[in-house]
């Protein structure tokens, strides 16, 4: 397995993988625009896992600077193809990213994804807190 930084040419494969986790399908062009922005960011990294030449997983992490508390690196998202889940792909992505980027790490998981909770606990993450997420869309009108 190869873990490497994503390239813009990975957009379609990243988009296809994202559908397995239920991310909204906004099309490959939107995925490409988002990936391009992340690749041009100094605070974001996207890693992909390749197995036998096929992209089978991705991980997005970013540096989260805070004013009143310790800054950290957060996993913004990770997807592994269902056919290779349980075969070390997710572990390899997380271990690679945490080795490259030293510091305090954080990941937020949906409360219903208990398998995901177990995955991160096995990797040494600890549950820090439970929180609510509030959203508001400002249309600018």
Protein backbone atom coordinates (compact mmCIF):
# COMPACT_ATOMS: atom_id res chain seq x y z
CA UNK A 1 0.00 0.00 0.00
CA UNK A 2 1.19 3.51 -0.83
CA UNK A 3 0.18 6.57 1.20
CA UNK A 4 0.88 9.84 -0.59
CA UNK A 5 -0.29 13.42 -0.84
CA UNK A 6 -3.34 13.84 -3.05
CA UNK A 7 -3.05 15.39 -6.51
CA UNK A 8 -5.72 17.32 -8.38
CA UNK A 9 -5.99 14.36 -10.76
CA UNK A 10 -7.32 12.31 -7.80
CA UNK A 11 -10.51 14.41 -7.66
CA UNK A 12 -12.81 11.93 -9.41
CA UNK A 13 -11.61 9.01 -7.29
CA UNK A 14 -11.90 11.02 -4.06
CA UNK A 15 -15.41 12.04 -5.09
CA UNK A 16 -16.39 8.42 -5.81
CA UNK A 17 -14.99 7.21 -2.47
CA UNK A 18 -16.82 9.97 -0.61
CA UNK A 19 -20.16 8.59 -1.75
CA UNK A 20 -19.56 5.40 0.27
CA UNK A 21 -19.76 7.37 3.50
CA UNK A 22 -22.88 9.24 2.52
CA UNK A 23 -21.39 12.62 1.67
CA UNK A 24 -23.72 14.66 -0.52
CA UNK A 25 -23.04 14.12 -4.22
CA UNK A 26 -22.34 17.59 -5.52
CA UNK A 27 -20.49 16.36 -8.59
CA UNK A 28 -16.88 15.83 -9.56
CA UNK A 29 -16.37 19.49 -10.53
CA UNK A 30 -17.24 20.63 -6.98
CA UNK A 31 -14.94 17.95 -5.53
CA UNK A 32 -12.18 19.19 -7.84
CA UNK A 33 -12.69 22.82 -6.75
CA UNK A 34 -12.58 21.84 -3.09
CA UNK A 35 -9.51 19.65 -3.52
CA UNK A 36 -7.75 22.43 -5.42
CA UNK A 37 -8.43 24.86 -2.56
CA UNK A 38 -7.11 22.37 0.00
CA UNK A 39 -4.01 21.61 -2.06
CA UNK A 40 -3.27 25.35 -2.21
CA UNK A 41 -3.77 25.83 1.54
CA UNK A 42 -0.86 26.03 3.97
CA UNK A 43 -3.04 24.58 6.75
CA UNK A 44 -4.64 21.60 5.00
CA UNK A 45 -3.28 18.27 3.76
CA UNK A 46 -5.05 15.50 1.88
CA UNK A 47 -3.51 12.04 1.81
CA UNK A 48 -4.64 9.11 -0.32
CA UNK A 49 -4.08 5.38 0.01
CA UNK A 50 -3.36 3.34 -3.11
CA UNK A 51 -3.57 -0.42 -3.22
CA UNK A 52 -2.57 -2.23 -6.42
CA UNK A 53 -2.69 1.09 -8.26
CA UNK A 54 -6.26 1.85 -7.14
CA UNK A 55 -7.20 4.70 -4.80
CA UNK A 56 -8.90 3.02 -1.82
CA UNK A 57 -8.97 5.76 0.82
CA UNK A 58 -8.37 9.39 1.66
CA UNK A 59 -7.76 11.50 4.76
CA UNK A 60 -8.05 15.29 5.06
CA UNK A 61 -6.37 16.97 8.02
CA UNK A 62 -5.92 20.62 8.89
CA UNK A 63 -4.17 22.79 11.44
CA UNK A 64 -6.70 24.48 13.73
CA UNK A 65 -5.26 27.62 15.33
CA UNK A 66 -7.13 28.69 18.47
CA UNK A 67 -7.10 32.00 20.35
CA UNK A 68 -7.94 30.84 23.88
CA UNK A 69 -6.83 27.22 23.85
CA UNK A 70 -4.14 24.93 22.52
CA UNK A 71 -4.07 24.60 18.75
CA UNK A 72 -4.35 21.14 17.21
CA UNK A 73 -4.44 19.15 14.01
CA UNK A 74 -7.87 17.82 13.14
CA UNK A 75 -8.96 15.03 10.86
CA UNK A 76 -11.61 16.75 8.78
CA UNK A 77 -12.66 13.59 7.00
CA UNK A 78 -11.57 10.11 6.08
CA UNK A 79 -13.08 7.48 3.81
CA UNK A 80 -11.95 3.93 3.10
CA UNK A 81 -13.50 1.85 0.30
CA UNK A 82 -15.91 -0.74 1.81
CA UNK A 83 -14.09 -3.62 0.08
CA UNK A 84 -10.89 -2.94 2.05
CA UNK A 85 -12.26 -1.80 5.41
CA UNK A 86 -10.70 -3.77 8.23
CA UNK A 87 -7.49 -4.35 6.25
CA UNK A 88 -5.38 -1.54 7.73
CA UNK A 89 -6.02 1.21 5.18
CA UNK A 90 -7.57 3.66 7.65
CA UNK A 91 -4.91 2.87 10.24
CA UNK A 92 -2.17 3.47 7.65
CA UNK A 93 -3.67 6.83 6.66
CA UNK A 94 -3.96 8.01 10.27
CA UNK A 95 -0.53 6.71 11.27
CA UNK A 96 1.09 8.35 8.25
CA UNK A 97 -0.56 11.73 8.89
CA UNK A 98 0.20 11.70 12.62
CA UNK A 99 3.82 10.76 11.94
CA UNK A 100 4.29 13.57 9.41
CA UNK A 101 2.47 16.20 11.48
CA UNK A 102 3.50 16.10 15.13
CA UNK A 103 1.29 17.66 17.79
CA UNK A 104 -2.11 17.36 19.41
CA UNK A 105 -4.63 15.60 17.18
CA UNK A 106 -8.42 15.72 17.21
CA UNK A 107 -11.20 14.03 15.27
CA UNK A 108 -14.96 14.51 15.49
CA UNK A 109 -17.25 11.58 14.76
CA UNK A 110 -20.99 11.36 14.42
CA UNK A 111 -22.45 9.98 17.65
CA UNK A 112 -24.10 7.08 15.78
CA UNK A 113 -20.85 5.80 14.18
CA UNK A 114 -19.84 3.50 17.01
CA UNK A 115 -17.50 1.46 14.79
CA UNK A 116 -15.64 4.68 14.01
CA UNK A 117 -15.39 5.48 17.72
CA UNK A 118 -13.82 2.06 18.34
CA UNK A 119 -11.41 2.58 15.43
CA UNK A 120 -10.03 5.83 16.84
CA UNK A 121 -9.90 4.49 20.40
CA UNK A 122 -7.76 1.58 19.15
CA UNK A 123 -5.40 4.12 17.57
CA UNK A 124 -4.87 5.83 20.91
CA UNK A 125 -7.35 8.69 20.64
CA UNK A 126 -9.33 9.45 23.81
CA UNK A 127 -12.87 10.78 24.10
CA UNK A 128 -12.50 14.39 25.21
CA UNK A 129 -16.07 15.69 25.22
CA UNK A 130 -19.51 15.40 23.68
CA UNK A 131 -20.89 18.47 21.98
CA UNK A 132 -23.75 19.75 19.86
CA UNK A 133 -23.14 21.20 16.43
CA UNK A 134 -25.20 24.24 15.50
CA UNK A 135 -25.45 25.46 11.93
CA UNK A 136 -26.82 28.57 10.33
CA UNK A 137 -26.74 29.39 6.66
CA UNK A 138 -26.41 33.07 5.88
CA UNK A 139 -27.56 33.62 2.33
CA UNK A 140 -26.17 37.15 2.28
CA UNK A 141 -29.49 38.61 1.08
